[in-house]
Amino acid sequence: ETKSGVMMTISIICGFLPTFFLSPFSGVWADR
């Protein structure tokens, strides 16, 4: 639909960044 590197970048950031913020806490949950 877009053929845009910027739009692809936004999509990838949305698919990864929340994992980044949650991972330290989810690691603690996995141990607790």
PDB file of all heavy atoms in Angstrom:
ATOM      1  N   GLU A   1       0.815  -1.214   0.000  1.00  0.00           N
ATOM      2  CA  GLU A   1       0.000   0.000   0.000  1.00  0.00           C
ATOM      3  C   GLU A   1       0.851   1.267   0.000  1.00  0.00           C
ATOM      4  O   GLU A   1       0.460   2.280  -0.576  1.00  0.00           O
ATOM      5  CB  GLU A   1      -0.922   0.012   1.233  1.00  0.00           C
ATOM      6  CG  GLU A   1      -2.057  -0.988   1.185  1.00  0.00           C
ATOM      7  CD  GLU A   1      -3.080  -0.671   0.112  1.00  0.00           C
ATOM      8  OE1 GLU A   1      -3.422   0.515  -0.048  1.00  0.00           O
ATOM      9  OE2 GLU A   1      -3.525  -1.608  -0.565  1.00  0.00           O
ATOM     10  N   THR A   2       2.018   1.231   0.646  1.00  0.00           N
ATOM     11  CA  THR A   2       2.806   2.462   0.830  1.00  0.00           C
ATOM     12  C   THR A   2       4.129   2.487   0.060  1.00  0.00           C
ATOM     13  O   THR A   2       4.579   3.552  -0.361  1.00  0.00           O
ATOM     14  CB  THR A   2       3.124   2.690   2.317  1.00  0.00           C
ATOM     15  OG1 THR A   2       4.037   1.682   2.776  1.00  0.00           O
ATOM     16  CG2 THR A   2       1.852   2.634   3.160  1.00  0.00           C
ATOM     17  N   LYS A   3       4.781   1.294  -0.087  1.00  0.00           N
ATOM     18  CA  LYS A   3       6.115   1.206  -0.717  1.00  0.00           C
ATOM     19  C   LYS A   3       7.103   2.184  -0.076  1.00  0.00           C
ATOM     20  O   LYS A   3       7.969   2.738  -0.736  1.00  0.00           O
ATOM     21  CB  LYS A   3       6.032   1.450  -2.230  1.00  0.00           C
ATOM     22  CG  LYS A   3       5.246   0.405  -2.996  1.00  0.00           C
ATOM     23  CD  LYS A   3       5.285   0.658  -4.486  1.00  0.00           C
ATOM     24  CE  LYS A   3       4.607  -0.458  -5.255  1.00  0.00           C
ATOM     25  NZ  LYS A   3       3.172  -0.545  -5.003  1.00  0.00           N
ATOM     26  N   SER A   4       6.958   2.395   1.219  1.00  0.00           N
ATOM     27  CA  SER A   4       7.759   3.405   1.923  1.00  0.00           C
ATOM     28  C   SER A   4       8.627   2.780   3.014  1.00  0.00           C
ATOM     29  O   SER A   4       8.142   2.006   3.841  1.00  0.00           O
ATOM     30  CB  SER A   4       6.835   4.453   2.558  1.00  0.00           C
ATOM     31  OG  SER A   4       7.530   5.266   3.472  1.00  0.00           O
ATOM     32  N   GLY A   5       9.911   3.147   3.019  1.00  0.00           N
ATOM     33  CA  GLY A   5      10.815   2.701   4.069  1.00  0.00           C
ATOM     34  C   GLY A   5      10.443   3.271   5.419  1.00  0.00           C
ATOM     35  O   GLY A   5      10.588   2.605   6.447  1.00  0.00           O
ATOM     36  N   VAL A   6       9.943   4.507   5.445  1.00  0.00           N
ATOM     37  CA  VAL A   6       9.541   5.152   6.697  1.00  0.00           C
ATOM     38  C   VAL A   6       8.350   4.420   7.315  1.00  0.00           C
ATOM     39  O   VAL A   6       8.326   4.157   8.528  1.00  0.00           O
ATOM     40  CB  VAL A   6       9.201   6.643   6.470  1.00  0.00           C
ATOM     41  CG1 VAL A   6       8.588   7.253   7.727  1.00  0.00           C
ATOM     42  CG2 VAL A   6      10.443   7.418   6.071  1.00  0.00           C
ATOM     43  N   MET A   7       7.359   4.081   6.480  1.00  0.00           N
ATOM     44  CA  MET A   7       6.177   3.382   6.985  1.00  0.00           C
ATOM     45  C   MET A   7       6.533   1.986   7.489  1.00  0.00           C
ATOM     46  O   MET A   7       6.006   1.529   8.508  1.00  0.00           O
ATOM     47  CB  MET A   7       5.109   3.286   5.888  1.00  0.00           C
ATOM     48  CG  MET A   7       4.563   4.632   5.447  1.00  0.00           C
ATOM     49  SD  MET A   7       3.731   5.537   6.795  1.00  0.00           S
ATOM     50  CE  MET A   7       2.144   4.737   6.806  1.00  0.00           C
ATOM     51  N   MET A   8       7.456   1.320   6.783  1.00  0.00           N
ATOM     52  CA  MET A   8       7.936   0.019   7.240  1.00  0.00           C
ATOM     53  C   MET A   8       8.636   0.152   8.588  1.00  0.00           C
ATOM     54  O   MET A   8       8.485  -0.692   9.474  1.00  0.00           O
ATOM     55  CB  MET A   8       8.892  -0.588   6.207  1.00  0.00           C
ATOM     56  CG  MET A   8       8.211  -1.163   4.972  1.00  0.00           C
ATOM     57  SD  MET A   8       7.171  -2.586   5.365  1.00  0.00           S
ATOM     58  CE  MET A   8       8.406  -3.769   5.904  1.00  0.00           C
ATOM     59  N   THR A   9       9.404   1.227   8.734  1.00  0.00           N
ATOM     60  CA  THR A   9      10.121   1.470   9.993  1.00  0.00           C
ATOM     61  C   THR A   9       9.147   1.678  11.151  1.00  0.00           C
ATOM     62  O   THR A   9       9.327   1.123  12.239  1.00  0.00           O
ATOM     63  CB  THR A   9      11.044   2.698   9.860  1.00  0.00           C
ATOM     64  OG1 THR A   9      11.989   2.460   8.818  1.00  0.00           O
ATOM     65  CG2 THR A   9      11.785   2.969  11.161  1.00  0.00           C
ATOM     66  N   ILE A  10       8.103   2.469  10.919  1.00  0.00           N
ATOM     67  CA  ILE A  10       7.084   2.704  11.956  1.00  0.00           C
ATOM     68  C   ILE A  10       6.434   1.391  12.364  1.00  0.00           C
ATOM     69  O   ILE A  10       6.245   1.111  13.556  1.00  0.00           O
ATOM     70  CB  ILE A  10       6.012   3.700  11.458  1.00  0.00           C
ATOM     71  CG1 ILE A  10       6.631   5.084  11.229  1.00  0.00           C
ATOM     72  CG2 ILE A  10       4.858   3.797  12.466  1.00  0.00           C
ATOM     73  CD1 ILE A  10       5.699   6.066  10.552  1.00  0.00           C
ATOM     74  N   SER A  11       6.125   0.559  11.374  1.00  0.00           N
ATOM     75  CA  SER A  11       5.496  -0.740  11.636  1.00  0.00           C
ATOM     76  C   SER A  11       6.402  -1.622  12.490  1.00  0.00           C
ATOM     77  O   SER A  11       5.953  -2.262  13.449  1.00  0.00           O
ATOM     78  CB  SER A  11       5.184  -1.439  10.308  1.00  0.00           C
ATOM     79  OG  SER A  11       4.713  -2.742  10.532  1.00  0.00           O
ATOM     80  N   ILE A  12       7.682  -1.644  12.151  1.00  0.00           N
ATOM     81  CA  ILE A  12       8.646  -2.492  12.874  1.00  0.00           C
ATOM     82  C   ILE A  12       8.848  -1.982  14.299  1.00  0.00           C
ATOM     83  O   ILE A  12       8.927  -2.761  15.252  1.00  0.00           O
ATOM     84  CB  ILE A  12       9.972  -2.562  12.096  1.00  0.00           C
ATOM     85  CG1 ILE A  12       9.759  -3.368  10.807  1.00  0.00           C
ATOM     86  CG2 ILE A  12      11.080  -3.193  12.941  1.00  0.00           C
ATOM     87  CD1 ILE A  12      10.810  -3.136   9.755  1.00  0.00           C
ATOM     88  N   ILE A  13       8.920  -0.668  14.451  1.00  0.00           N
ATOM     89  CA  ILE A  13       9.077  -0.081  15.792  1.00  0.00           C
ATOM     90  C   ILE A  13       7.872  -0.425  16.662  1.00  0.00           C
ATOM     91  O   ILE A  13       8.028  -0.803  17.834  1.00  0.00           O
ATOM     92  CB  ILE A  13       9.262   1.452  15.689  1.00  0.00           C
ATOM     93  CG1 ILE A  13      10.639   1.771  15.105  1.00  0.00           C
ATOM     94  CG2 ILE A  13       9.118   2.103  17.070  1.00  0.00           C
ATOM     95  CD1 ILE A  13      10.842   3.229  14.771  1.00  0.00           C
ATOM     96  N   CYS A  14       6.678  -0.335  16.086  1.00  0.00           N
ATOM     97  CA  CYS A  14       5.464  -0.689  16.829  1.00  0.00           C
ATOM     98  C   CYS A  14       5.457  -2.171  17.223  1.00  0.00           C
ATOM     99  O   CYS A  14       4.900  -2.545  18.256  1.00  0.00           O
ATOM    100  CB  CYS A  14       4.221  -0.381  15.993  1.00  0.00           C
ATOM    101  SG  CYS A  14       3.891   1.378  15.801  1.00  0.00           S
ATOM    102  N   GLY A  15       6.084  -2.991  16.390  1.00  0.00           N
ATOM    103  CA  GLY A  15       6.116  -4.420  16.658  1.00  0.00           C
ATOM    104  C   GLY A  15       7.201  -4.853  17.632  1.00  0.00           C
ATOM    105  O   GLY A  15       7.188  -5.985  18.105  1.00  0.00           O
ATOM    106  N   PHE A  16       8.143  -3.951  17.935  1.00  0.00           N
ATOM    107  CA  PHE A  16       9.262  -4.316  18.804  1.00  0.00           C
ATOM    108  C   PHE A  16       9.367  -3.487  20.079  1.00  0.00           C
ATOM    109  O   PHE A  16       9.714  -4.011  21.143  1.00  0.00           O
ATOM    110  CB  PHE A  16      10.584  -4.197  18.034  1.00  0.00           C
ATOM    111  CG  PHE A  16      10.898  -5.366  17.159  1.00  0.00           C
ATOM    112  CD1 PHE A  16      10.509  -5.372  15.827  1.00  0.00           C
ATOM    113  CD2 PHE A  16      11.583  -6.455  17.653  1.00  0.00           C
ATOM    114  CE1 PHE A  16      10.803  -6.445  15.005  1.00  0.00           C
ATOM    115  CE2 PHE A  16      11.878  -7.544  16.849  1.00  0.00           C
ATOM    116  CZ  PHE A  16      11.488  -7.536  15.519  1.00  0.00           C
ATOM    117  N   LEU A  17       9.088  -2.187  19.984  1.00  0.00           N
ATOM    118  CA  LEU A  17       9.362  -1.290  21.107  1.00  0.00           C
ATOM    119  C   LEU A  17       8.600  -1.662  22.386  1.00  0.00           C
ATOM    120  O   LEU A  17       9.186  -1.629  23.481  1.00  0.00           O
ATOM    121  CB  LEU A  17       9.063   0.162  20.702  1.00  0.00           C
ATOM    122  CG  LEU A  17       9.855   1.242  21.449  1.00  0.00           C
ATOM    123  CD1 LEU A  17      11.353   1.007  21.316  1.00  0.00           C
ATOM    124  CD2 LEU A  17       9.488   2.629  20.913  1.00  0.00           C
ATOM    125  N   PRO A  18       7.304  -2.015  22.310  1.00  0.00           N
ATOM    126  CA  PRO A  18       6.609  -2.419  23.546  1.00  0.00           C
ATOM    127  C   PRO A  18       7.267  -3.626  24.224  1.00  0.00           C
ATOM    128  O   PRO A  18       7.321  -3.699  25.451  1.00  0.00           O
ATOM    129  CB  PRO A  18       5.195  -2.751  23.063  1.00  0.00           C
ATOM    130  CG  PRO A  18       5.019  -1.929  21.829  1.00  0.00           C
ATOM    131  CD  PRO A  18       6.366  -1.952  21.167  1.00  0.00           C
ATOM    132  N   THR A  19       7.764  -4.557  23.416  1.00  0.00           N
ATOM    133  CA  THR A  19       8.472  -5.710  23.970  1.00  0.00           C
ATOM    134  C   THR A  19       9.707  -5.263  24.750  1.00  0.00           C
ATOM    135  O   THR A  19      10.016  -5.798  25.821  1.00  0.00           O
ATOM    136  CB  THR A  19       8.892  -6.677  22.843  1.00  0.00           C
ATOM    137  OG1 THR A  19       7.722  -7.162  22.185  1.00  0.00           O
ATOM    138  CG2 THR A  19       9.672  -7.867  23.395  1.00  0.00           C
ATOM    139  N   PHE A  20      10.396  -4.260  24.206  1.00  0.00           N
ATOM    140  CA  PHE A  20      11.588  -3.719  24.867  1.00  0.00           C
ATOM    141  C   PHE A  20      11.261  -3.202  26.265  1.00  0.00           C
ATOM    142  O   PHE A  20      11.945  -3.527  27.244  1.00  0.00           O
ATOM    143  CB  PHE A  20      12.178  -2.601  24.011  1.00  0.00           C
ATOM    144  CG  PHE A  20      13.186  -1.745  24.730  1.00  0.00           C
ATOM    145  CD1 PHE A  20      14.465  -2.210  24.975  1.00  0.00           C
ATOM    146  CD2 PHE A  20      12.849  -0.473  25.166  1.00  0.00           C
ATOM    147  CE1 PHE A  20      15.394  -1.425  25.647  1.00  0.00           C
ATOM    148  CE2 PHE A  20      13.769   0.322  25.833  1.00  0.00           C
ATOM    149  CZ  PHE A  20      15.048  -0.158  26.070  1.00  0.00           C
ATOM    150  N   PHE A  21      10.205  -2.416  26.380  1.00  0.00           N
ATOM    151  CA  PHE A  21       9.859  -1.822  27.674  1.00  0.00           C
ATOM    152  C   PHE A  21       9.332  -2.860  28.670  1.00  0.00           C
ATOM    153  O   PHE A  21       9.539  -2.736  29.878  1.00  0.00           O
ATOM    154  CB  PHE A  21       8.820  -0.708  27.481  1.00  0.00           C
ATOM    155  CG  PHE A  21       9.389   0.542  26.883  1.00  0.00           C
ATOM    156  CD1 PHE A  21       8.994   0.958  25.612  1.00  0.00           C
ATOM    157  CD2 PHE A  21      10.328   1.293  27.567  1.00  0.00           C
ATOM    158  CE1 PHE A  21       9.527   2.120  25.047  1.00  0.00           C
ATOM    159  CE2 PHE A  21      10.865   2.453  27.011  1.00  0.00           C
ATOM    160  CZ  PHE A  21      10.467   2.863  25.753  1.00  0.00           C
ATOM    161  N   LEU A  22       8.652  -3.888  28.155  1.00  0.00           N
ATOM    162  CA  LEU A  22       8.032  -4.873  29.041  1.00  0.00           C
ATOM    163  C   LEU A  22       8.992  -5.985  29.472  1.00  0.00           C
ATOM    164  O   LEU A  22       8.848  -6.549  30.558  1.00  0.00           O
ATOM    165  CB  LEU A  22       6.809  -5.488  28.359  1.00  0.00           C
ATOM    166  CG  LEU A  22       5.888  -6.345  29.244  1.00  0.00           C
ATOM    167  CD1 LEU A  22       5.255  -5.490  30.337  1.00  0.00           C
ATOM    168  CD2 LEU A  22       4.812  -7.007  28.395  1.00  0.00           C
ATOM    169  N   SER A  23       9.990  -6.305  28.634  1.00  0.00           N
ATOM    170  CA  SER A  23      10.835  -7.487  28.851  1.00  0.00           C
ATOM    171  C   SER A  23      11.511  -7.562  30.219  1.00  0.00           C
ATOM    172  O   SER A  23      11.540  -8.644  30.824  1.00  0.00           O
ATOM    173  CB  SER A  23      11.893  -7.584  27.745  1.00  0.00           C
ATOM    174  OG  SER A  23      11.285  -7.902  26.527  1.00  0.00           O
ATOM    175  N   PRO A  24      12.082  -6.469  30.753  1.00  0.00           N
ATOM    176  CA  PRO A  24      12.703  -6.589  32.086  1.00  0.00           C
ATOM    177  C   PRO A  24      11.709  -7.028  33.154  1.00  0.00           C
ATOM    178  O   PRO A  24      12.048  -7.820  34.040  1.00  0.00           O
ATOM    179  CB  PRO A  24      13.214  -5.162  32.363  1.00  0.00           C
ATOM    180  CG  PRO A  24      13.325  -4.521  31.037  1.00  0.00           C
ATOM    181  CD  PRO A  24      12.227  -5.110  30.209  1.00  0.00           C
ATOM    182  N   PHE A  25      10.465  -6.533  33.059  1.00  0.00           N
ATOM    183  CA  PHE A  25       9.437  -6.886  34.038  1.00  0.00           C
ATOM    184  C   PHE A  25       8.899  -8.295  33.789  1.00  0.00           C
ATOM    185  O   PHE A  25       8.664  -9.049  34.738  1.00  0.00           O
ATOM    186  CB  PHE A  25       8.302  -5.868  33.999  1.00  0.00           C
ATOM    187  CG  PHE A  25       8.754  -4.459  34.261  1.00  0.00           C
ATOM    188  CD1 PHE A  25       8.955  -3.566  33.216  1.00  0.00           C
ATOM    189  CD2 PHE A  25       9.017  -4.028  35.552  1.00  0.00           C
ATOM    190  CE1 PHE A  25       9.388  -2.273  33.456  1.00  0.00           C
ATOM    191  CE2 PHE A  25       9.449  -2.734  35.806  1.00  0.00           C
ATOM    192  CZ  PHE A  25       9.642  -1.852  34.755  1.00  0.00           C
ATOM    193  N   SER A  26       8.730  -8.652  32.504  1.00  0.00           N
ATOM    194  CA  SER A  26       8.225  -9.998  32.197  1.00  0.00           C
ATOM    195  C   SER A  26       9.250 -11.061  32.563  1.00  0.00           C
ATOM    196  O   SER A  26       8.887 -12.195  32.883  1.00  0.00           O
ATOM    197  CB  SER A  26       7.842 -10.102  30.711  1.00  0.00           C
ATOM    198  OG  SER A  26       8.953  -9.844  29.874  1.00  0.00           O
ATOM    199  N   GLY A  27      10.534 -10.704  32.517  1.00  0.00           N
ATOM    200  CA  GLY A  27      11.570 -11.623  32.986  1.00  0.00           C
ATOM    201  C   GLY A  27      11.438 -11.896  34.474  1.00  0.00           C
ATOM    202  O   GLY A  27      11.577 -13.034  34.923  1.00  0.00           O
ATOM    203  N   VAL A  28      11.129 -10.846  35.240  1.00  0.00           N
ATOM    204  CA  VAL A  28      10.888 -11.005  36.684  1.00  0.00           C
ATOM    205  C   VAL A  28       9.642 -11.864  36.910  1.00  0.00           C
ATOM    206  O   VAL A  28       9.635 -12.765  37.755  1.00  0.00           O
ATOM    207  CB  VAL A  28      10.726  -9.628  37.374  1.00  0.00           C
ATOM    208  CG1 VAL A  28      10.300  -9.797  38.834  1.00  0.00           C
ATOM    209  CG2 VAL A  28      12.025  -8.829  37.291  1.00  0.00           C
ATOM    210  N   TRP A  29       8.572 -11.595  36.143  1.00  0.00           N
ATOM    211  CA  TRP A  29       7.342 -12.392  36.270  1.00  0.00           C
ATOM    212  C   TRP A  29       7.622 -13.873  35.993  1.00  0.00           C
ATOM    213  O   TRP A  29       7.090 -14.743  36.680  1.00  0.00           O
ATOM    214  CB  TRP A  29       6.274 -11.886  35.307  1.00  0.00           C
ATOM    215  CG  TRP A  29       5.827 -10.486  35.559  1.00  0.00           C
ATOM    216  CD1 TRP A  29       5.909  -9.798  36.743  1.00  0.00           C
ATOM    217  CD2 TRP A  29       5.234  -9.585  34.620  1.00  0.00           C
ATOM    218  NE1 TRP A  29       5.412  -8.524  36.589  1.00  0.00           N
ATOM    219  CE2 TRP A  29       4.983  -8.358  35.300  1.00  0.00           C
ATOM    220  CE3 TRP A  29       4.891  -9.670  33.277  1.00  0.00           C
ATOM    221  CZ2 TRP A  29       4.417  -7.257  34.678  1.00  0.00           C
ATOM    222  CZ3 TRP A  29       4.316  -8.576  32.642  1.00  0.00           C
ATOM    223  CH2 TRP A  29       4.082  -7.378  33.345  1.00  0.00           C
ATOM    224  N   ALA A  30       8.446 -14.137  34.969  1.00  0.00           N
ATOM    225  CA  ALA A  30       8.755 -15.525  34.601  1.00  0.00           C
ATOM    226  C   ALA A  30       9.500 -16.256  35.709  1.00  0.00           C
ATOM    227  O   ALA A  30       9.435 -17.490  35.789  1.00  0.00           O
ATOM    228  CB  ALA A  30       9.575 -15.558  33.309  1.00  0.00           C
ATOM    229  N   ASP A  31      10.199 -15.511  36.551  1.00  0.00           N
ATOM    230  CA  ASP A  31      10.901 -16.122  37.687  1.00  0.00           C
ATOM    231  C   ASP A  31      10.045 -16.164  38.953  1.00  0.00           C
ATOM    232  O   ASP A  31      10.278 -16.988  39.837  1.00  0.00           O
ATOM    233  CB  ASP A  31      12.211 -15.366  37.977  1.00  0.00           C
ATOM    234  CG  ASP A  31      13.294 -15.675  36.956  1.00  0.00           C
ATOM    235  OD1 ASP A  31      13.242 -16.746  36.336  1.00  0.00           O
ATOM    236  OD2 ASP A  31      14.196 -14.831  36.782  1.00  0.00           O
ATOM    237  N   ARG A  32       9.056 -15.289  39.053  1.00  0.00           N
ATOM    238  CA  ARG A  32       8.231 -15.210  40.275  1.00  0.00           C
ATOM    239  C   ARG A  32       6.953 -16.046  40.192  1.00  0.00           C
ATOM    240  O   ARG A  32       6.457 -16.515  41.223  1.00  0.00           O
ATOM    241  CB  ARG A  32       7.822 -13.747  40.537  1.00  0.00           C
ATOM    242  CG  ARG A  32       8.955 -12.858  41.000  1.00  0.00           C
ATOM    243  CD  ARG A  32       8.515 -11.403  41.036  1.00  0.00           C
ATOM    244  NE  ARG A  32       7.553 -11.133  42.084  1.00  0.00           N
ATOM    245  CZ  ARG A  32       7.845 -10.503  43.239  1.00  0.00           C
ATOM    246  NH1 ARG A  32       9.073 -10.099  43.476  1.00  0.00           N
ATOM    247  NH2 ARG A  32       6.910 -10.274  44.132  1.00  0.00           N
TER     248      ARG A  32
END
